Amino acid sequence: MNEKENVLIENFREYYQLGLEAFKREKFNSAATLFFKAIAALCDLYILRKEGIIPSSHAQRFRLLEDKYHDIYRIVDRDFPFYQDSYTNKLDREAALLLKEDAESIKKTLGV
């Protein structure tokens, strides 16, 4: 495992752990944001392992996933609006839980 992979794994763990803490405190907007950031770190890890690069933006990440990795793209495409909504709306437990479960699913796929 190289240094970039280690950084992405550590970032995932940090975001996920903080997401769990926010979720337990019923801070669902913060939890959703952190779980989505955990998902993004895992997607970047996946792309790094498959393509040898780390996407520089959400747009590049989505393009690569949509073009080549449809299963993960479908998850991220469904989850991104929750992340966007977390800035202007109050998210509920169910939205945060969906993102948590998706982070766990991608984590399992990657064997992290």
N, C-alpha and C. Protein backbone atom coordinates (compact mmCIF):
# COMPACT_ATOMS: atom_id res chain seq x y z
N MET A 1 0.85 -1.18 0.00
CA MET A 1 0.00 0.00 0.00
C MET A 1 0.89 1.24 0.00
N ASN A 2 0.54 2.20 -0.85
CA ASN A 2 1.37 3.40 -0.92
C ASN A 2 0.83 4.51 -0.02
N GLU A 3 1.57 5.60 0.05
CA GLU A 3 1.23 6.69 0.95
C GLU A 3 -0.13 7.31 0.62
N LYS A 4 -0.44 7.48 -0.66
CA LYS A 4 -1.73 8.05 -1.04
C LYS A 4 -2.88 7.17 -0.58
N GLU A 5 -2.73 5.86 -0.74
CA GLU A 5 -3.76 4.94 -0.25
C GLU A 5 -3.92 5.06 1.25
N ASN A 6 -2.82 5.13 1.97
CA ASN A 6 -2.88 5.27 3.43
C ASN A 6 -3.62 6.53 3.85
N VAL A 7 -3.34 7.64 3.16
CA VAL A 7 -4.01 8.90 3.48
C VAL A 7 -5.51 8.78 3.25
N LEU A 8 -5.90 8.20 2.12
CA LEU A 8 -7.33 8.05 1.83
C LEU A 8 -8.02 7.14 2.84
N ILE A 9 -7.36 6.08 3.24
CA ILE A 9 -7.94 5.17 4.24
C ILE A 9 -8.07 5.88 5.59
N GLU A 10 -7.05 6.61 5.97
CA GLU A 10 -7.12 7.35 7.23
C GLU A 10 -8.21 8.43 7.17
N ASN A 11 -8.32 9.12 6.04
CA ASN A 11 -9.38 10.12 5.89
C ASN A 11 -10.75 9.46 6.00
N PHE A 12 -10.92 8.31 5.31
CA PHE A 12 -12.18 7.59 5.42
C PHE A 12 -12.49 7.29 6.88
N ARG A 13 -11.54 6.72 7.59
CA ARG A 13 -11.77 6.33 9.00
C ARG A 13 -12.13 7.52 9.87
N GLU A 14 -11.45 8.65 9.64
CA GLU A 14 -11.74 9.85 10.42
C GLU A 14 -13.16 10.35 10.14
N TYR A 15 -13.50 10.50 8.86
CA TYR A 15 -14.84 10.98 8.51
C TYR A 15 -15.91 10.03 9.03
N TYR A 16 -15.68 8.73 8.85
CA TYR A 16 -16.68 7.74 9.25
C TYR A 16 -16.87 7.76 10.77
N GLN A 17 -15.77 7.78 11.51
CA GLN A 17 -15.85 7.78 12.97
C GLN A 17 -16.56 9.04 13.48
N LEU A 18 -16.21 10.18 12.93
CA LEU A 18 -16.87 11.41 13.34
C LEU A 18 -18.34 11.40 12.92
N GLY A 19 -18.64 10.79 11.77
CA GLY A 19 -20.03 10.64 11.35
C GLY A 19 -20.83 9.80 12.34
N LEU A 20 -20.22 8.72 12.83
CA LEU A 20 -20.88 7.89 13.84
C LEU A 20 -21.17 8.69 15.11
N GLU A 21 -20.20 9.48 15.53
CA GLU A 21 -20.39 10.29 16.74
C GLU A 21 -21.51 11.30 16.54
N ALA A 22 -21.53 11.97 15.40
CA ALA A 22 -22.60 12.93 15.11
C ALA A 22 -23.96 12.22 15.05
N PHE A 23 -23.98 11.05 14.42
CA PHE A 23 -25.23 10.28 14.30
C PHE A 23 -25.77 9.93 15.68
N LYS A 24 -24.90 9.48 16.57
CA LYS A 24 -25.32 9.12 17.93
C LYS A 24 -25.87 10.32 18.69
N ARG A 25 -25.35 11.52 18.38
CA ARG A 25 -25.83 12.73 19.03
C ARG A 25 -27.02 13.35 18.30
N GLU A 26 -27.52 12.62 17.28
CA GLU A 26 -28.66 13.06 16.48
C GLU A 26 -28.40 14.37 15.75
N LYS A 27 -27.16 14.56 15.35
CA LYS A 27 -26.75 15.69 14.51
C LYS A 27 -26.70 15.16 13.08
N PHE A 28 -27.87 15.00 12.48
CA PHE A 28 -27.98 14.25 11.23
C PHE A 28 -27.38 14.98 10.02
N ASN A 29 -27.43 16.30 10.00
CA ASN A 29 -26.78 17.02 8.90
C ASN A 29 -25.28 16.79 8.93
N SER A 30 -24.68 16.93 10.10
CA SER A 30 -23.24 16.70 10.22
C SER A 30 -22.90 15.25 9.91
N ALA A 31 -23.72 14.34 10.41
CA ALA A 31 -23.47 12.91 10.14
C ALA A 31 -23.53 12.63 8.65
N ALA A 32 -24.54 13.15 7.97
CA ALA A 32 -24.67 12.92 6.53
C ALA A 32 -23.48 13.48 5.77
N THR A 33 -23.07 14.69 6.12
CA THR A 33 -21.92 15.31 5.46
C THR A 33 -20.67 14.47 5.66
N LEU A 34 -20.45 14.03 6.88
CA LEU A 34 -19.25 13.24 7.18
C LEU A 34 -19.31 11.86 6.52
N PHE A 35 -20.47 11.24 6.50
CA PHE A 35 -20.58 9.94 5.83
C PHE A 35 -20.36 10.09 4.33
N PHE A 36 -20.85 11.19 3.74
CA PHE A 36 -20.60 11.38 2.31
C PHE A 36 -19.12 11.62 2.05
N LYS A 37 -18.46 12.38 2.91
CA LYS A 37 -17.02 12.59 2.75
C LYS A 37 -16.28 11.25 2.88
N ALA A 38 -16.76 10.38 3.76
CA ALA A 38 -16.17 9.04 3.88
C ALA A 38 -16.36 8.26 2.58
N ILE A 39 -17.55 8.37 2.01
CA ILE A 39 -17.83 7.70 0.73
C ILE A 39 -16.90 8.25 -0.36
N ALA A 40 -16.73 9.57 -0.41
CA ALA A 40 -15.86 10.18 -1.43
C ALA A 40 -14.42 9.70 -1.27
N ALA A 41 -13.95 9.58 -0.03
CA ALA A 41 -12.58 9.08 0.20
C ALA A 41 -12.45 7.65 -0.30
N LEU A 42 -13.48 6.84 -0.07
CA LEU A 42 -13.45 5.45 -0.55
C LEU A 42 -13.49 5.40 -2.08
N CYS A 43 -14.30 6.25 -2.67
CA CYS A 43 -14.35 6.30 -4.15
C CYS A 43 -12.99 6.69 -4.71
N ASP A 44 -12.36 7.66 -4.08
CA ASP A 44 -11.04 8.07 -4.54
C ASP A 44 -10.03 6.93 -4.38
N LEU A 45 -10.13 6.18 -3.30
CA LEU A 45 -9.26 5.02 -3.10
C LEU A 45 -9.50 3.99 -4.20
N TYR A 46 -10.75 3.74 -4.50
CA TYR A 46 -11.10 2.79 -5.55
C TYR A 46 -10.51 3.24 -6.89
N ILE A 47 -10.70 4.51 -7.22
CA ILE A 47 -10.19 5.05 -8.48
C ILE A 47 -8.66 5.01 -8.50
N LEU A 48 -8.04 5.35 -7.39
CA LEU A 48 -6.59 5.29 -7.31
C LEU A 48 -6.09 3.87 -7.60
N ARG A 49 -6.74 2.90 -7.00
CA ARG A 49 -6.32 1.51 -7.20
C ARG A 49 -6.57 1.04 -8.64
N LYS A 50 -7.64 1.50 -9.25
CA LYS A 50 -7.99 1.05 -10.61
C LYS A 50 -7.31 1.88 -11.70
N GLU A 51 -7.19 3.18 -11.47
CA GLU A 51 -6.73 4.10 -12.52
C GLU A 51 -5.36 4.72 -12.25
N GLY A 52 -4.91 4.64 -11.00
CA GLY A 52 -3.62 5.22 -10.66
C GLY A 52 -3.64 6.72 -10.43
N ILE A 53 -4.85 7.30 -10.31
CA ILE A 53 -4.98 8.74 -10.06
C ILE A 53 -6.00 8.97 -8.96
N ILE A 54 -5.92 10.17 -8.36
CA ILE A 54 -6.93 10.62 -7.42
C ILE A 54 -7.68 11.75 -8.10
N PRO A 55 -9.01 11.65 -8.21
CA PRO A 55 -9.77 12.73 -8.86
C PRO A 55 -9.55 14.06 -8.15
N SER A 56 -9.56 15.13 -8.93
CA SER A 56 -9.31 16.46 -8.37
C SER A 56 -10.59 17.19 -7.98
N SER A 57 -11.74 16.61 -8.30
CA SER A 57 -13.01 17.27 -7.99
C SER A 57 -14.14 16.24 -7.96
N HIS A 58 -15.29 16.68 -7.43
CA HIS A 58 -16.47 15.82 -7.48
C HIS A 58 -16.81 15.48 -8.92
N ALA A 59 -16.72 16.47 -9.79
CA ALA A 59 -17.09 16.26 -11.20
C ALA A 59 -16.22 15.17 -11.83
N GLN A 60 -14.91 15.24 -11.62
CA GLN A 60 -14.02 14.23 -12.19
C GLN A 60 -14.31 12.85 -11.58
N ARG A 61 -14.53 12.82 -10.28
CA ARG A 61 -14.86 11.55 -9.61
C ARG A 61 -16.11 10.94 -10.22
N PHE A 62 -17.16 11.76 -10.37
CA PHE A 62 -18.41 11.25 -10.91
C PHE A 62 -18.26 10.77 -12.35
N ARG A 63 -17.52 11.53 -13.16
CA ARG A 63 -17.31 11.12 -14.56
C ARG A 63 -16.62 9.77 -14.64
N LEU A 64 -15.55 9.59 -13.88
CA LEU A 64 -14.82 8.32 -13.91
C LEU A 64 -15.71 7.16 -13.44
N LEU A 65 -16.44 7.39 -12.36
CA LEU A 65 -17.31 6.33 -11.85
C LEU A 65 -18.42 6.01 -12.84
N GLU A 66 -19.02 7.05 -13.42
CA GLU A 66 -20.12 6.84 -14.36
C GLU A 66 -19.63 6.11 -15.61
N ASP A 67 -18.46 6.46 -16.08
CA ASP A 67 -17.93 5.86 -17.30
C ASP A 67 -17.48 4.41 -17.11
N LYS A 68 -16.94 4.09 -15.94
CA LYS A 68 -16.26 2.80 -15.80
C LYS A 68 -16.76 1.91 -14.66
N TYR A 69 -17.32 2.50 -13.62
CA TYR A 69 -17.63 1.74 -12.41
C TYR A 69 -19.07 2.01 -11.97
N HIS A 70 -19.99 1.45 -12.74
CA HIS A 70 -21.41 1.77 -12.61
C HIS A 70 -22.01 1.44 -11.25
N ASP A 71 -21.60 0.35 -10.64
CA ASP A 71 -22.18 -0.03 -9.35
C ASP A 71 -21.91 1.02 -8.28
N ILE A 72 -20.68 1.48 -8.23
CA ILE A 72 -20.35 2.51 -7.24
C ILE A 72 -20.96 3.85 -7.65
N TYR A 73 -20.97 4.14 -8.94
CA TYR A 73 -21.57 5.39 -9.41
C TYR A 73 -23.03 5.50 -8.98
N ARG A 74 -23.78 4.43 -9.10
CA ARG A 74 -25.20 4.47 -8.73
C ARG A 74 -25.38 4.85 -7.26
N ILE A 75 -24.52 4.36 -6.42
CA ILE A 75 -24.59 4.70 -4.99
C ILE A 75 -24.28 6.18 -4.78
N VAL A 76 -23.17 6.64 -5.34
CA VAL A 76 -22.74 8.02 -5.15
C VAL A 76 -23.73 9.00 -5.78
N ASP A 77 -24.25 8.66 -6.94
CA ASP A 77 -25.22 9.51 -7.61
C ASP A 77 -26.49 9.67 -6.77
N ARG A 78 -26.91 8.60 -6.12
CA ARG A 78 -28.09 8.67 -5.25
C ARG A 78 -27.80 9.47 -3.99
N ASP A 79 -26.57 9.37 -3.47
CA ASP A 79 -26.23 9.99 -2.18
C ASP A 79 -25.85 11.46 -2.27
N PHE A 80 -25.30 11.88 -3.41
CA PHE A 80 -24.81 13.25 -3.52
C PHE A 80 -25.87 14.31 -3.21
N PRO A 81 -27.12 14.15 -3.65
CA PRO A 81 -28.12 15.17 -3.31
C PRO A 81 -28.33 15.33 -1.79
N PHE A 82 -28.18 14.27 -1.02
CA PHE A 82 -28.29 14.40 0.44
C PHE A 82 -27.17 15.30 0.96
N TYR A 83 -25.97 15.07 0.44
CA TYR A 83 -24.82 15.90 0.83
C TYR A 83 -25.10 17.36 0.48
N GLN A 84 -25.59 17.62 -0.73
CA GLN A 84 -25.89 18.99 -1.13
C GLN A 84 -26.99 19.59 -0.26
N ASP A 85 -28.02 18.79 0.02
CA ASP A 85 -29.13 19.29 0.83
C ASP A 85 -28.72 19.61 2.26
N SER A 86 -27.65 18.97 2.73
CA SER A 86 -27.23 19.19 4.12
C SER A 86 -26.82 20.64 4.38
N TYR A 87 -26.56 21.39 3.32
CA TYR A 87 -26.19 22.80 3.49
C TYR A 87 -27.41 23.70 3.73
N THR A 88 -28.56 23.31 3.20
CA THR A 88 -29.70 24.23 3.24
C THR A 88 -30.95 23.64 3.87
N ASN A 89 -30.94 22.36 4.19
CA ASN A 89 -32.12 21.70 4.77
C ASN A 89 -31.73 20.93 6.02
N LYS A 90 -32.72 20.57 6.80
CA LYS A 90 -32.51 19.69 7.93
C LYS A 90 -32.73 18.26 7.46
N LEU A 91 -31.69 17.46 7.56
CA LEU A 91 -31.81 16.06 7.18
C LEU A 91 -32.29 15.24 8.36
N ASP A 92 -32.94 14.14 8.05
CA ASP A 92 -33.46 13.28 9.12
C ASP A 92 -32.56 12.07 9.32
N ARG A 93 -32.92 11.29 10.30
CA ARG A 93 -32.16 10.09 10.66
C ARG A 93 -32.04 9.14 9.47
N GLU A 94 -33.11 8.97 8.71
CA GLU A 94 -33.12 8.03 7.60
C GLU A 94 -32.10 8.40 6.52
N ALA A 95 -31.99 9.69 6.23
CA ALA A 95 -31.01 10.14 5.22
C ALA A 95 -29.59 9.85 5.69
N ALA A 96 -29.31 10.20 6.94
CA ALA A 96 -27.97 9.94 7.48
C ALA A 96 -27.68 8.45 7.54
N LEU A 97 -28.69 7.67 7.89
CA LEU A 97 -28.52 6.21 7.98
C LEU A 97 -28.22 5.62 6.60
N LEU A 98 -28.88 6.11 5.57
CA LEU A 98 -28.62 5.63 4.21
C LEU A 98 -27.15 5.87 3.83
N LEU A 99 -26.65 7.06 4.12
CA LEU A 99 -25.26 7.37 3.80
C LEU A 99 -24.31 6.51 4.62
N LYS A 100 -24.63 6.28 5.86
CA LYS A 100 -23.80 5.41 6.72
C LYS A 100 -23.73 4.01 6.13
N GLU A 101 -24.88 3.48 5.75
CA GLU A 101 -24.92 2.12 5.20
C GLU A 101 -24.20 2.04 3.86
N ASP A 102 -24.30 3.09 3.05
CA ASP A 102 -23.59 3.09 1.77
C ASP A 102 -22.07 3.16 1.98
N ALA A 103 -21.64 3.93 2.96
CA ALA A 103 -20.21 3.97 3.28
C ALA A 103 -19.73 2.58 3.69
N GLU A 104 -20.52 1.91 4.49
CA GLU A 104 -20.16 0.56 4.94
C GLU A 104 -20.13 -0.43 3.76
N SER A 105 -21.06 -0.29 2.85
CA SER A 105 -21.12 -1.16 1.68
C SER A 105 -19.89 -0.99 0.79
N ILE A 106 -19.52 0.26 0.51
CA ILE A 106 -18.35 0.51 -0.33
C ILE A 106 -17.09 0.05 0.39
N LYS A 107 -17.03 0.29 1.69
CA LYS A 107 -15.89 -0.15 2.50
C LYS A 107 -15.71 -1.68 2.37
N LYS A 108 -16.81 -2.39 2.45
CA LYS A 108 -16.75 -3.85 2.33
C LYS A 108 -16.27 -4.25 0.93
N THR A 109 -16.77 -3.58 -0.08
CA THR A 109 -16.37 -3.87 -1.46
C THR A 109 -14.85 -3.71 -1.62
N LEU A 110 -14.29 -2.68 -0.98
CA LEU A 110 -12.86 -2.41 -1.11
C LEU A 110 -12.01 -3.22 -0.14
N GLY A 111 -12.62 -3.83 0.84
CA GLY A 111 -11.86 -4.60 1.81
C GLY A 111 -11.00 -3.72 2.71
N VAL A 112 -11.51 -2.55 3.03
CA VAL A 112 -10.76 -1.60 3.87
C VAL A 112 -11.07 -1.89 5.33
